[in-house]
Full PDB file with SEQRES, HELIX, SHEET, SSBOND, CRYST1, ORIGX, SCALE, CONECT and MASTER records, all heavy atoms in Angstrom:
SEQRES   1 A   43  VAL LEU GLY CYS ARG VAL ILE ILE LEU ALA ARG ILE GLY          
SEQRES   2 A   43  ASP VAL ALA LEU GLY ALA LEU ARG THR VAL ALA VAL VAL          
SEQRES   3 A   43  GLY GLY HIS GLY GLY LEU SER TRP LEU PHE GLY LEU LEU          
SEQRES   4 A   43  GLU ILE THR ILE                                              
HELIX    1 AA1 LEU A    2  VAL A   26  1                                  25    
HELIX    2 AA2 GLY A   30  THR A   42  1                                  13    
CRYST1    1.000    1.000    1.000  90.00  90.00  90.00 P 1           1          
ORIGX1      1.000000  0.000000  0.000000        0.00000                         
ORIGX2      0.000000  1.000000  0.000000        0.00000                         
ORIGX3      0.000000  0.000000  1.000000        0.00000                         
SCALE1      1.000000  0.000000  0.000000        0.00000                         
SCALE2      0.000000  1.000000  0.000000        0.00000                         
SCALE3      0.000000  0.000000  1.000000        0.00000                         
ATOM      1  N   VAL A   1     -80.914  99.276 103.282  1.00  0.00           N  
ATOM      2  CA  VAL A   1     -81.044  97.787 103.565  1.00  0.00           C  
ATOM      3  C   VAL A   1     -79.778  97.094 103.471  1.00  0.00           C  
ATOM      4  O   VAL A   1     -79.297  96.284 104.251  1.00  0.00           O  
ATOM      5  CB  VAL A   1     -82.162  97.143 102.616  1.00  0.00           C  
ATOM      6  CG1 VAL A   1     -82.116  95.579 102.860  1.00  0.00           C  
ATOM      7  CG2 VAL A   1     -83.507  97.686 103.063  1.00  0.00           C  
ATOM      8  N   LEU A   2     -78.936  97.501 102.305  1.00  0.00           N  
ATOM      9  CA  LEU A   2     -77.668  96.846 102.066  1.00  0.00           C  
ATOM     10  C   LEU A   2     -76.749  97.257 103.217  1.00  0.00           C  
ATOM     11  O   LEU A   2     -75.941  96.349 103.730  1.00  0.00           O  
ATOM     12  CB  LEU A   2     -77.186  97.300 100.800  1.00  0.00           C  
ATOM     13  CG  LEU A   2     -75.790  96.644 100.426  1.00  0.00           C  
ATOM     14  CD1 LEU A   2     -75.829  95.191 100.276  1.00  0.00           C  
ATOM     15  CD2 LEU A   2     -75.333  97.295  99.066  1.00  0.00           C  
ATOM     16  N   GLY A   3     -76.701  98.412 103.596  1.00  0.00           N  
ATOM     17  CA  GLY A   3     -75.789  98.958 104.688  1.00  0.00           C  
ATOM     18  C   GLY A   3     -76.059  98.122 105.962  1.00  0.00           C  
ATOM     19  O   GLY A   3     -75.176  97.805 106.587  1.00  0.00           O  
ATOM     20  N   CYS A   4     -77.414  98.009 106.311  1.00  0.00           N  
ATOM     21  CA  CYS A   4     -77.732  97.261 107.475  1.00  0.00           C  
ATOM     22  C   CYS A   4     -77.277  95.806 107.419  1.00  0.00           C  
ATOM     23  O   CYS A   4     -76.796  95.179 108.350  1.00  0.00           O  
ATOM     24  CB  CYS A   4     -79.285  97.301 107.762  1.00  0.00           C  
ATOM     25  SG  CYS A   4     -79.847  98.860 108.420  1.00  0.00           S  
ATOM     26  N   ARG A   5     -77.464  95.211 106.283  1.00  0.00           N  
ATOM     27  CA  ARG A   5     -77.022  93.781 106.054  1.00  0.00           C  
ATOM     28  C   ARG A   5     -75.435  93.732 106.220  1.00  0.00           C  
ATOM     29  O   ARG A   5     -74.977  92.741 106.864  1.00  0.00           O  
ATOM     30  CB  ARG A   5     -77.417  93.172 104.746  1.00  0.00           C  
ATOM     31  CG  ARG A   5     -78.869  92.911 104.731  1.00  0.00           C  
ATOM     32  CD  ARG A   5     -79.242  92.278 103.425  1.00  0.00           C  
ATOM     33  NE  ARG A   5     -80.735  91.918 103.490  1.00  0.00           N  
ATOM     34  CZ  ARG A   5     -81.312  91.189 102.546  1.00  0.00           C  
ATOM     35  NH1 ARG A   5     -80.603  90.848 101.434  1.00  0.00           N  
ATOM     36  NH2 ARG A   5     -82.540  91.002 102.597  1.00  0.00           N  
ATOM     37  N   VAL A   6     -74.777  94.637 105.628  1.00  0.00           N  
ATOM     38  CA  VAL A   6     -73.330  94.521 105.762  1.00  0.00           C  
ATOM     39  C   VAL A   6     -72.898  94.741 107.212  1.00  0.00           C  
ATOM     40  O   VAL A   6     -72.000  94.082 107.688  1.00  0.00           O  
ATOM     41  CB  VAL A   6     -72.629  95.645 104.877  1.00  0.00           C  
ATOM     42  CG1 VAL A   6     -71.136  95.838 105.209  1.00  0.00           C  
ATOM     43  CG2 VAL A   6     -72.838  95.331 103.423  1.00  0.00           C  
ATOM     44  N   ILE A   7     -73.521  95.671 107.961  1.00  0.00           N  
ATOM     45  CA  ILE A   7     -73.235  95.855 109.348  1.00  0.00           C  
ATOM     46  C   ILE A   7     -73.533  94.676 110.185  1.00  0.00           C  
ATOM     47  O   ILE A   7     -72.736  94.248 111.003  1.00  0.00           O  
ATOM     48  CB  ILE A   7     -73.929  97.091 109.906  1.00  0.00           C  
ATOM     49  CG1 ILE A   7     -73.280  98.352 109.332  1.00  0.00           C  
ATOM     50  CG2 ILE A   7     -73.886  97.212 111.434  1.00  0.00           C  
ATOM     51  CD1 ILE A   7     -74.168  99.577 109.520  1.00  0.00           C  
ATOM     52  N   ILE A   8     -74.643  94.069 109.863  1.00  0.00           N  
ATOM     53  CA  ILE A   8     -75.094  92.805 110.635  1.00  0.00           C  
ATOM     54  C   ILE A   8     -73.984  91.665 110.417  1.00  0.00           C  
ATOM     55  O   ILE A   8     -73.520  91.051 111.292  1.00  0.00           O  
ATOM     56  CB  ILE A   8     -76.471  92.313 110.234  1.00  0.00           C  
ATOM     57  CG1 ILE A   8     -77.510  93.367 110.839  1.00  0.00           C  
ATOM     58  CG2 ILE A   8     -76.701  90.894 110.784  1.00  0.00           C  
ATOM     59  CD1 ILE A   8     -78.891  93.085 110.375  1.00  0.00           C  
ATOM     60  N   LEU A   9     -73.673  91.533 109.119  1.00  0.00           N  
ATOM     61  CA  LEU A   9     -72.773  90.402 108.825  1.00  0.00           C  
ATOM     62  C   LEU A   9     -71.373  90.677 109.383  1.00  0.00           C  
ATOM     63  O   LEU A   9     -70.627  89.757 109.825  1.00  0.00           O  
ATOM     64  CB  LEU A   9     -72.598  90.292 107.252  1.00  0.00           C  
ATOM     65  CG  LEU A   9     -73.842  89.627 106.624  1.00  0.00           C  
ATOM     66  CD1 LEU A   9     -73.685  89.569 105.030  1.00  0.00           C  
ATOM     67  CD2 LEU A   9     -74.055  88.154 107.152  1.00  0.00           C  
ATOM     68  N   ALA A  10     -70.924  91.953 109.287  1.00  0.00           N  
ATOM     69  CA  ALA A  10     -69.665  92.347 109.927  1.00  0.00           C  
ATOM     70  C   ALA A  10     -69.672  92.080 111.435  1.00  0.00           C  
ATOM     71  O   ALA A  10     -68.666  91.414 111.991  1.00  0.00           O  
ATOM     72  CB  ALA A  10     -69.403  93.734 109.696  1.00  0.00           C  
ATOM     73  N   ARG A  11     -70.699  92.393 112.151  1.00  0.00           N  
ATOM     74  CA  ARG A  11     -70.694  92.199 113.612  1.00  0.00           C  
ATOM     75  C   ARG A  11     -70.771  90.618 113.921  1.00  0.00           C  
ATOM     76  O   ARG A  11     -70.184  90.230 114.833  1.00  0.00           O  
ATOM     77  CB  ARG A  11     -71.962  92.828 114.152  1.00  0.00           C  
ATOM     78  CG  ARG A  11     -71.786  94.336 114.327  1.00  0.00           C  
ATOM     79  CD  ARG A  11     -70.630  94.710 115.189  1.00  0.00           C  
ATOM     80  NE  ARG A  11     -71.048  94.456 116.649  1.00  0.00           N  
ATOM     81  CZ  ARG A  11     -70.195  94.163 117.604  1.00  0.00           C  
ATOM     82  NH1 ARG A  11     -68.873  94.197 117.416  1.00  0.00           N  
ATOM     83  NH2 ARG A  11     -70.587  94.015 118.845  1.00  0.00           N  
ATOM     84  N   ILE A  12     -71.614  89.967 113.111  1.00  0.00           N  
ATOM     85  CA  ILE A  12     -71.614  88.451 113.313  1.00  0.00           C  
ATOM     86  C   ILE A  12     -70.158  87.923 113.138  1.00  0.00           C  
ATOM     87  O   ILE A  12     -69.662  87.172 113.892  1.00  0.00           O  
ATOM     88  CB  ILE A  12     -72.523  87.767 112.302  1.00  0.00           C  
ATOM     89  CG1 ILE A  12     -73.976  88.076 112.648  1.00  0.00           C  
ATOM     90  CG2 ILE A  12     -72.317  86.267 112.216  1.00  0.00           C  
ATOM     91  CD1 ILE A  12     -74.937  87.618 111.529  1.00  0.00           C  
ATOM     92  N   GLY A  13     -69.431  88.328 112.107  1.00  0.00           N  
ATOM     93  CA  GLY A  13     -68.067  87.863 111.953  1.00  0.00           C  
ATOM     94  C   GLY A  13     -67.125  88.231 113.053  1.00  0.00           C  
ATOM     95  O   GLY A  13     -66.319  87.530 113.590  1.00  0.00           O  
ATOM     96  N   ASP A  14     -67.141  89.572 113.483  1.00  0.00           N  
ATOM     97  CA  ASP A  14     -66.297  89.899 114.522  1.00  0.00           C  
ATOM     98  C   ASP A  14     -66.607  89.379 115.948  1.00  0.00           C  
ATOM     99  O   ASP A  14     -65.634  88.928 116.647  1.00  0.00           O  
ATOM    100  CB  ASP A  14     -66.049  91.483 114.584  1.00  0.00           C  
ATOM    101  CG  ASP A  14     -66.948  92.170 115.499  1.00  0.00           C  
ATOM    102  OD1 ASP A  14     -66.775  92.218 116.647  1.00  0.00           O  
ATOM    103  OD2 ASP A  14     -67.844  92.913 114.978  1.00  0.00           O  
ATOM    104  N   VAL A  15     -67.821  89.252 116.276  1.00  0.00           N  
ATOM    105  CA  VAL A  15     -68.168  88.566 117.470  1.00  0.00           C  
ATOM    106  C   VAL A  15     -67.819  87.073 117.582  1.00  0.00           C  
ATOM    107  O   VAL A  15     -67.248  86.507 118.430  1.00  0.00           O  
ATOM    108  CB  VAL A  15     -69.696  88.832 117.891  1.00  0.00           C  
ATOM    109  CG1 VAL A  15     -70.069  88.069 119.145  1.00  0.00           C  
ATOM    110  CG2 VAL A  15     -69.907  90.424 118.159  1.00  0.00           C  
ATOM    111  N   ALA A  16     -68.163  86.405 116.438  1.00  0.00           N  
ATOM    112  CA  ALA A  16     -67.719  84.993 116.333  1.00  0.00           C  
ATOM    113  C   ALA A  16     -66.242  84.814 116.397  1.00  0.00           C  
ATOM    114  O   ALA A  16     -65.789  83.872 117.039  1.00  0.00           O  
ATOM    115  CB  ALA A  16     -68.277  84.456 114.952  1.00  0.00           C  
ATOM    116  N   LEU A  17     -65.488  85.677 115.721  1.00  0.00           N  
ATOM    117  CA  LEU A  17     -64.104  85.590 115.795  1.00  0.00           C  
ATOM    118  C   LEU A  17     -63.536  85.827 117.253  1.00  0.00           C  
ATOM    119  O   LEU A  17     -62.569  85.318 117.692  1.00  0.00           O  
ATOM    120  CB  LEU A  17     -63.413  86.653 114.878  1.00  0.00           C  
ATOM    121  CG  LEU A  17     -63.359  86.149 113.366  1.00  0.00           C  
ATOM    122  CD1 LEU A  17     -63.075  87.435 112.546  1.00  0.00           C  
ATOM    123  CD2 LEU A  17     -62.400  85.068 113.250  1.00  0.00           C  
ATOM    124  N   GLY A  18     -64.345  86.727 117.942  1.00  0.00           N  
ATOM    125  CA  GLY A  18     -63.963  86.951 119.394  1.00  0.00           C  
ATOM    126  C   GLY A  18     -64.069  85.721 120.230  1.00  0.00           C  
ATOM    127  O   GLY A  18     -63.292  85.460 121.084  1.00  0.00           O  
ATOM    128  N   ALA A  19     -65.185  84.985 119.995  1.00  0.00           N  
ATOM    129  CA  ALA A  19     -65.316  83.711 120.674  1.00  0.00           C  
ATOM    130  C   ALA A  19     -64.189  82.688 120.384  1.00  0.00           C  
ATOM    131  O   ALA A  19     -63.641  82.081 121.238  1.00  0.00           O  
ATOM    132  CB  ALA A  19     -66.588  83.053 120.339  1.00  0.00           C  
ATOM    133  N   LEU A  20     -63.774  82.640 119.110  1.00  0.00           N  
ATOM    134  CA  LEU A  20     -62.735  81.766 118.691  1.00  0.00           C  
ATOM    135  C   LEU A  20     -61.447  82.181 119.322  1.00  0.00           C  
ATOM    136  O   LEU A  20     -60.569  81.474 119.694  1.00  0.00           O  
ATOM    137  CB  LEU A  20     -62.522  81.765 117.140  1.00  0.00           C  
ATOM    138  CG  LEU A  20     -63.685  81.107 116.325  1.00  0.00           C  
ATOM    139  CD1 LEU A  20     -63.587  81.205 114.894  1.00  0.00           C  
ATOM    140  CD2 LEU A  20     -63.858  79.629 116.757  1.00  0.00           C  
ATOM    141  N   ARG A  21     -61.156  83.555 119.363  1.00  0.00           N  
ATOM    142  CA  ARG A  21     -59.987  84.100 119.900  1.00  0.00           C  
ATOM    143  C   ARG A  21     -59.898  83.758 121.427  1.00  0.00           C  
ATOM    144  O   ARG A  21     -58.772  83.266 121.870  1.00  0.00           O  
ATOM    145  CB  ARG A  21     -59.978  85.582 119.761  1.00  0.00           C  
ATOM    146  CG  ARG A  21     -58.725  86.246 120.385  1.00  0.00           C  
ATOM    147  CD  ARG A  21     -58.796  87.774 120.369  1.00  0.00           C  
ATOM    148  NE  ARG A  21     -60.100  88.351 120.764  1.00  0.00           N  
ATOM    149  CZ  ARG A  21     -60.599  88.476 121.986  1.00  0.00           C  
ATOM    150  NH1 ARG A  21     -59.859  88.180 122.997  1.00  0.00           N  
ATOM    151  NH2 ARG A  21     -61.817  88.977 122.162  1.00  0.00           N  
ATOM    152  N   THR A  22     -61.020  83.795 122.111  1.00  0.00           N  
ATOM    153  CA  THR A  22     -60.936  83.531 123.504  1.00  0.00           C  
ATOM    154  C   THR A  22     -60.614  81.998 123.739  1.00  0.00           C  
ATOM    155  O   THR A  22     -59.713  81.783 124.622  1.00  0.00           O  
ATOM    156  CB  THR A  22     -62.326  83.862 124.061  1.00  0.00           C  
ATOM    157  OG1 THR A  22     -62.606  85.228 123.918  1.00  0.00           O  
ATOM    158  CG2 THR A  22     -62.398  83.487 125.662  1.00  0.00           C  
ATOM    159  N   VAL A  23     -61.150  81.176 122.937  1.00  0.00           N  
ATOM    160  CA  VAL A  23     -60.840  79.738 123.128  1.00  0.00           C  
ATOM    161  C   VAL A  23     -59.372  79.556 122.735  1.00  0.00           C  
ATOM    162  O   VAL A  23     -58.689  78.784 123.423  1.00  0.00           O  
ATOM    163  CB  VAL A  23     -61.746  78.887 122.335  1.00  0.00           C  
ATOM    164  CG1 VAL A  23     -61.364  77.437 122.267  1.00  0.00           C  
ATOM    165  CG2 VAL A  23     -63.247  79.025 122.861  1.00  0.00           C  
ATOM    166  N   ALA A  24     -58.898  80.233 121.761  1.00  0.00           N  
ATOM    167  CA  ALA A  24     -57.398  80.040 121.420  1.00  0.00           C  
ATOM    168  C   ALA A  24     -56.490  80.561 122.460  1.00  0.00           C  
ATOM    169  O   ALA A  24     -55.516  79.936 122.803  1.00  0.00           O  
ATOM    170  CB  ALA A  24     -57.176  80.749 120.081  1.00  0.00           C  
ATOM    171  N   VAL A  25     -56.937  81.703 123.148  1.00  0.00           N  
ATOM    172  CA  VAL A  25     -56.098  82.088 124.277  1.00  0.00           C  
ATOM    173  C   VAL A  25     -56.058  81.120 125.421  1.00  0.00           C  
ATOM    174  O   VAL A  25     -55.059  80.743 125.909  1.00  0.00           O  
ATOM    175  CB  VAL A  25     -56.585  83.534 124.816  1.00  0.00           C  
ATOM    176  CG1 VAL A  25     -55.947  83.921 126.042  1.00  0.00           C  
ATOM    177  CG2 VAL A  25     -56.357  84.638 123.685  1.00  0.00           C  
ATOM    178  N   VAL A  26     -57.287  80.664 125.775  1.00  0.00           N  
ATOM    179  CA  VAL A  26     -57.344  79.673 126.908  1.00  0.00           C  
ATOM    180  C   VAL A  26     -56.626  78.368 126.571  1.00  0.00           C  
ATOM    181  O   VAL A  26     -55.961  77.779 127.399  1.00  0.00           O  
ATOM    182  CB  VAL A  26     -58.879  79.418 127.197  1.00  0.00           C  
ATOM    183  CG1 VAL A  26     -58.973  78.341 128.180  1.00  0.00           C  
ATOM    184  CG2 VAL A  26     -59.546  80.712 127.799  1.00  0.00           C  
ATOM    185  N   GLY A  27     -56.628  78.118 125.271  1.00  0.00           N  
ATOM    186  CA  GLY A  27     -56.059  76.850 124.871  1.00  0.00           C  
ATOM    187  C   GLY A  27     -54.486  76.920 124.625  1.00  0.00           C  
ATOM    188  O   GLY A  27     -53.867  75.919 124.325  1.00  0.00           O  
ATOM    189  N   GLY A  28     -54.014  78.096 124.778  1.00  0.00           N  
ATOM    190  CA  GLY A  28     -52.551  78.317 124.588  1.00  0.00           C  
ATOM    191  C   GLY A  28     -52.062  78.342 123.133  1.00  0.00           C  
ATOM    192  O   GLY A  28     -50.929  78.152 122.826  1.00  0.00           O  
ATOM    193  N   HIS A  29     -53.037  78.747 122.228  1.00  0.00           N  
ATOM    194  CA  HIS A  29     -52.671  78.830 120.861  1.00  0.00           C  
ATOM    195  C   HIS A  29     -52.371  80.253 120.482  1.00  0.00           C  
ATOM    196  O   HIS A  29     -53.215  81.013 119.954  1.00  0.00           O  
ATOM    197  CB  HIS A  29     -53.844  78.269 120.000  1.00  0.00           C  
ATOM    198  CG  HIS A  29     -54.247  76.926 120.223  1.00  0.00           C  
ATOM    199  ND1 HIS A  29     -53.433  75.867 119.913  1.00  0.00           N  
ATOM    200  CD2 HIS A  29     -55.271  76.292 120.927  1.00  0.00           C  
ATOM    201  CE1 HIS A  29     -53.971  74.682 120.262  1.00  0.00           C  
ATOM    202  NE2 HIS A  29     -55.110  75.027 120.970  1.00  0.00           N  
ATOM    203  N   GLY A  30     -51.214  80.794 120.791  1.00  0.00           N  
ATOM    204  CA  GLY A  30     -50.801  82.171 120.679  1.00  0.00           C  
ATOM    205  C   GLY A  30     -51.000  82.702 119.225  1.00  0.00           C  
ATOM    206  O   GLY A  30     -51.525  83.804 119.015  1.00  0.00           O  
ATOM    207  N   GLY A  31     -50.515  81.959 118.277  1.00  0.00           N  
ATOM    208  CA  GLY A  31     -50.608  82.423 116.927  1.00  0.00           C  
ATOM    209  C   GLY A  31     -52.014  82.498 116.430  1.00  0.00           C  
ATOM    210  O   GLY A  31     -52.372  83.512 115.704  1.00  0.00           O  
ATOM    211  N   LEU A  32     -52.894  81.554 116.710  1.00  0.00           N  
ATOM    212  CA  LEU A  32     -54.256  81.642 116.262  1.00  0.00           C  
ATOM    213  C   LEU A  32     -54.992  82.787 117.057  1.00  0.00           C  
ATOM    214  O   LEU A  32     -55.793  83.482 116.401  1.00  0.00           O  
ATOM    215  CB  LEU A  32     -54.915  80.330 116.594  1.00  0.00           C  
ATOM    216  CG  LEU A  32     -54.754  79.164 115.605  1.00  0.00           C  
ATOM    217  CD1 LEU A  32     -55.454  77.946 116.001  1.00  0.00           C  
ATOM    218  CD2 LEU A  32     -55.259  79.654 114.158  1.00  0.00           C  
ATOM    219  N   SER A  33     -54.719  82.952 118.363  1.00  0.00           N  
ATOM    220  CA  SER A  33     -55.367  84.041 119.026  1.00  0.00           C  
ATOM    221  C   SER A  33     -55.007  85.448 118.415  1.00  0.00           C  
ATOM    222  O   SER A  33     -55.795  86.325 118.366  1.00  0.00           O  
ATOM    223  CB  SER A  33     -55.096  83.954 120.515  1.00  0.00           C  
ATOM    224  OG  SER A  33     -53.697  84.121 120.817  1.00  0.00           O  
ATOM    225  N   TRP A  34     -53.736  85.543 118.038  1.00  0.00           N  
ATOM    226  CA  TRP A  34     -53.282  86.790 117.453  1.00  0.00           C  
ATOM    227  C   TRP A  34     -53.986  87.006 116.120  1.00  0.00           C  
ATOM    228  O   TRP A  34     -54.481  88.104 115.830  1.00  0.00           O  
ATOM    229  CB  TRP A  34     -51.789  86.768 117.154  1.00  0.00           C  
ATOM    230  CG  TRP A  34     -51.273  88.013 116.606  1.00  0.00           C  
ATOM    231  CD1 TRP A  34     -50.747  89.034 117.187  1.00  0.00           C  
ATOM    232  CD2 TRP A  34     -51.135  88.276 115.227  1.00  0.00           C  
ATOM    233  NE1 TRP A  34     -50.355  90.075 116.355  1.00  0.00           N  
ATOM    234  CE2 TRP A  34     -50.575  89.531 115.001  1.00  0.00           C  
ATOM    235  CE3 TRP A  34     -51.355  87.605 113.994  1.00  0.00           C  
ATOM    236  CZ2 TRP A  34     -50.347  90.178 113.784  1.00  0.00           C  
ATOM    237  CZ3 TRP A  34     -51.201  88.153 112.791  1.00  0.00           C  
ATOM    238  CH2 TRP A  34     -50.591  89.463 112.770  1.00  0.00           C  
ATOM    239  N   LEU A  35     -54.104  85.935 115.323  1.00  0.00           N  
ATOM    240  CA  LEU A  35     -54.745  86.115 114.015  1.00  0.00           C  
ATOM    241  C   LEU A  35     -56.218  86.444 114.177  1.00  0.00           C  
ATOM    242  O   LEU A  35     -56.864  87.353 113.542  1.00  0.00           O  
ATOM    243  CB  LEU A  35     -54.565  84.787 113.194  1.00  0.00           C  
ATOM    244  CG  LEU A  35     -55.257  84.783 111.844  1.00  0.00           C  
ATOM    245  CD1 LEU A  35     -54.698  85.858 110.851  1.00  0.00           C  
ATOM    246  CD2 LEU A  35     -55.089  83.358 111.198  1.00  0.00           C  
ATOM    247  N   PHE A  36     -56.893  85.703 115.041  1.00  0.00           N  
ATOM    248  CA  PHE A  36     -58.358  85.866 115.236  1.00  0.00           C  
ATOM    249  C   PHE A  36     -58.598  87.292 115.825  1.00  0.00           C  
ATOM    250  O   PHE A  36     -59.530  87.973 115.435  1.00  0.00           O  
ATOM    251  CB  PHE A  36     -58.945  84.872 116.236  1.00  0.00           C  
ATOM    252  CG  PHE A  36     -59.075  83.495 115.652  1.00  0.00           C  
ATOM    253  CD1 PHE A  36     -58.972  82.400 116.549  1.00  0.00           C  
ATOM    254  CD2 PHE A  36     -59.275  83.245 114.345  1.00  0.00           C  
ATOM    255  CE1 PHE A  36     -59.040  81.118 116.092  1.00  0.00           C  
ATOM    256  CE2 PHE A  36     -59.303  81.950 113.877  1.00  0.00           C  
ATOM    257  CZ  PHE A  36     -59.226  80.869 114.731  1.00  0.00           C  
ATOM    258  N   GLY A  37     -57.671  87.776 116.740  1.00  0.00           N  
ATOM    259  CA  GLY A  37     -57.770  89.099 117.305  1.00  0.00           C  
ATOM    260  C   GLY A  37     -57.592  90.133 116.239  1.00  0.00           C  
ATOM    261  O   GLY A  37     -58.379  91.137 116.147  1.00  0.00           O  
ATOM    262  N   LEU A  38     -56.701  89.957 115.371  1.00  0.00           N  
ATOM    263  CA  LEU A  38     -56.436  90.928 114.293  1.00  0.00           C  
ATOM    264  C   LEU A  38     -57.600  91.094 113.382  1.00  0.00           C  
ATOM    265  O   LEU A  38     -58.087  92.166 112.997  1.00  0.00           O  
ATOM    266  CB  LEU A  38     -55.117  90.518 113.513  1.00  0.00           C  
ATOM    267  CG  LEU A  38     -54.868  91.422 112.226  1.00  0.00           C  
ATOM    268  CD1 LEU A  38     -54.355  92.779 112.667  1.00  0.00           C  
ATOM    269  CD2 LEU A  38     -53.854  90.703 111.311  1.00  0.00           C  
ATOM    270  N   LEU A  39     -58.206  89.989 112.915  1.00  0.00           N  
ATOM    271  CA  LEU A  39     -59.342  89.966 112.082  1.00  0.00           C  
ATOM    272  C   LEU A  39     -60.588  90.506 112.921  1.00  0.00           C  
ATOM    273  O   LEU A  39     -61.270  91.312 112.235  1.00  0.00           O  
ATOM    274  CB  LEU A  39     -59.639  88.521 111.614  1.00  0.00           C  
ATOM    275  CG  LEU A  39     -58.652  87.918 110.642  1.00  0.00           C  
ATOM    276  CD1 LEU A  39     -58.984  86.485 110.466  1.00  0.00           C  
ATOM    277  CD2 LEU A  39     -58.549  88.684 109.299  1.00  0.00           C  
ATOM    278  N   GLU A  40     -60.685  90.119 114.010  1.00  0.00           N  
ATOM    279  CA  GLU A  40     -61.852  90.565 114.798  1.00  0.00           C  
ATOM    280  C   GLU A  40     -61.874  92.134 114.926  1.00  0.00           C  
ATOM    281  O   GLU A  40     -62.903  92.713 114.684  1.00  0.00           O  
ATOM    282  CB  GLU A  40     -61.863  89.947 116.185  1.00  0.00           C  
ATOM    283  CG  GLU A  40     -62.787  90.601 117.118  1.00  0.00           C  
ATOM    284  CD  GLU A  40     -62.536  90.135 118.581  1.00  0.00           C  
ATOM    285  OE1 GLU A  40     -61.477  89.510 118.947  1.00  0.00           O  
ATOM    286  OE2 GLU A  40     -63.328  90.568 119.467  1.00  0.00           O  
ATOM    287  N   ILE A  41     -60.772  92.655 115.336  1.00  0.00           N  
ATOM    288  CA  ILE A  41     -60.729  94.111 115.623  1.00  0.00           C  
ATOM    289  C   ILE A  41     -60.734  94.906 114.325  1.00  0.00           C  
ATOM    290  O   ILE A  41     -61.337  95.967 114.209  1.00  0.00           O  
ATOM    291  CB  ILE A  41     -59.510  94.484 116.432  1.00  0.00           C  
ATOM    292  CG1 ILE A  41     -59.612  93.875 117.809  1.00  0.00           C  
ATOM    293  CG2 ILE A  41     -59.358  95.994 116.560  1.00  0.00           C  
ATOM    294  CD1 ILE A  41     -60.923  94.103 118.454  1.00  0.00           C  
ATOM    295  N   THR A  42     -60.175  94.335 113.221  1.00  0.00           N  
ATOM    296  CA  THR A  42     -60.209  95.042 111.931  1.00  0.00           C  
ATOM    297  C   THR A  42     -61.648  95.188 111.467  1.00  0.00           C  
ATOM    298  O   THR A  42     -62.094  96.206 111.048  1.00  0.00           O  
ATOM    299  CB  THR A  42     -59.469  94.293 110.890  1.00  0.00           C  
ATOM    300  OG1 THR A  42     -58.064  94.244 111.368  1.00  0.00           O  
ATOM    301  CG2 THR A  42     -59.521  94.976 109.491  1.00  0.00           C  
ATOM    302  N   ILE A  43     -62.438  94.037 111.547  1.00  0.00           N  
ATOM    303  CA  ILE A  43     -63.782  94.081 111.106  1.00  0.00           C  
ATOM    304  C   ILE A  43     -64.542  95.158 112.064  1.00  0.00           C  
ATOM    305  O   ILE A  43     -65.430  95.928 111.574  1.00  0.00           O  
ATOM    306  CB  ILE A  43     -64.443  92.710 111.217  1.00  0.00           C  
ATOM    307  CG1 ILE A  43     -63.760  91.790 110.154  1.00  0.00           C  
ATOM    308  CG2 ILE A  43     -65.988  92.730 111.034  1.00  0.00           C  
ATOM    309  CD1 ILE A  43     -64.146  90.319 110.238  1.00  0.00           C  
TER     310      ILE A  43                                                      
MASTER        0    0    0    2    0    0    0    6  309    1    0    4          
END                                                                             
């Protein structure tokens, strides 16, 4: 149960960061898009 919860929370985090990264790229925020991408893929 704990493993499933950790996986669910990790995926929520990385997919949400992916949405933020996409908006940062479209908005021309290179530094933020890099940071969001790094965190997203690490998770």
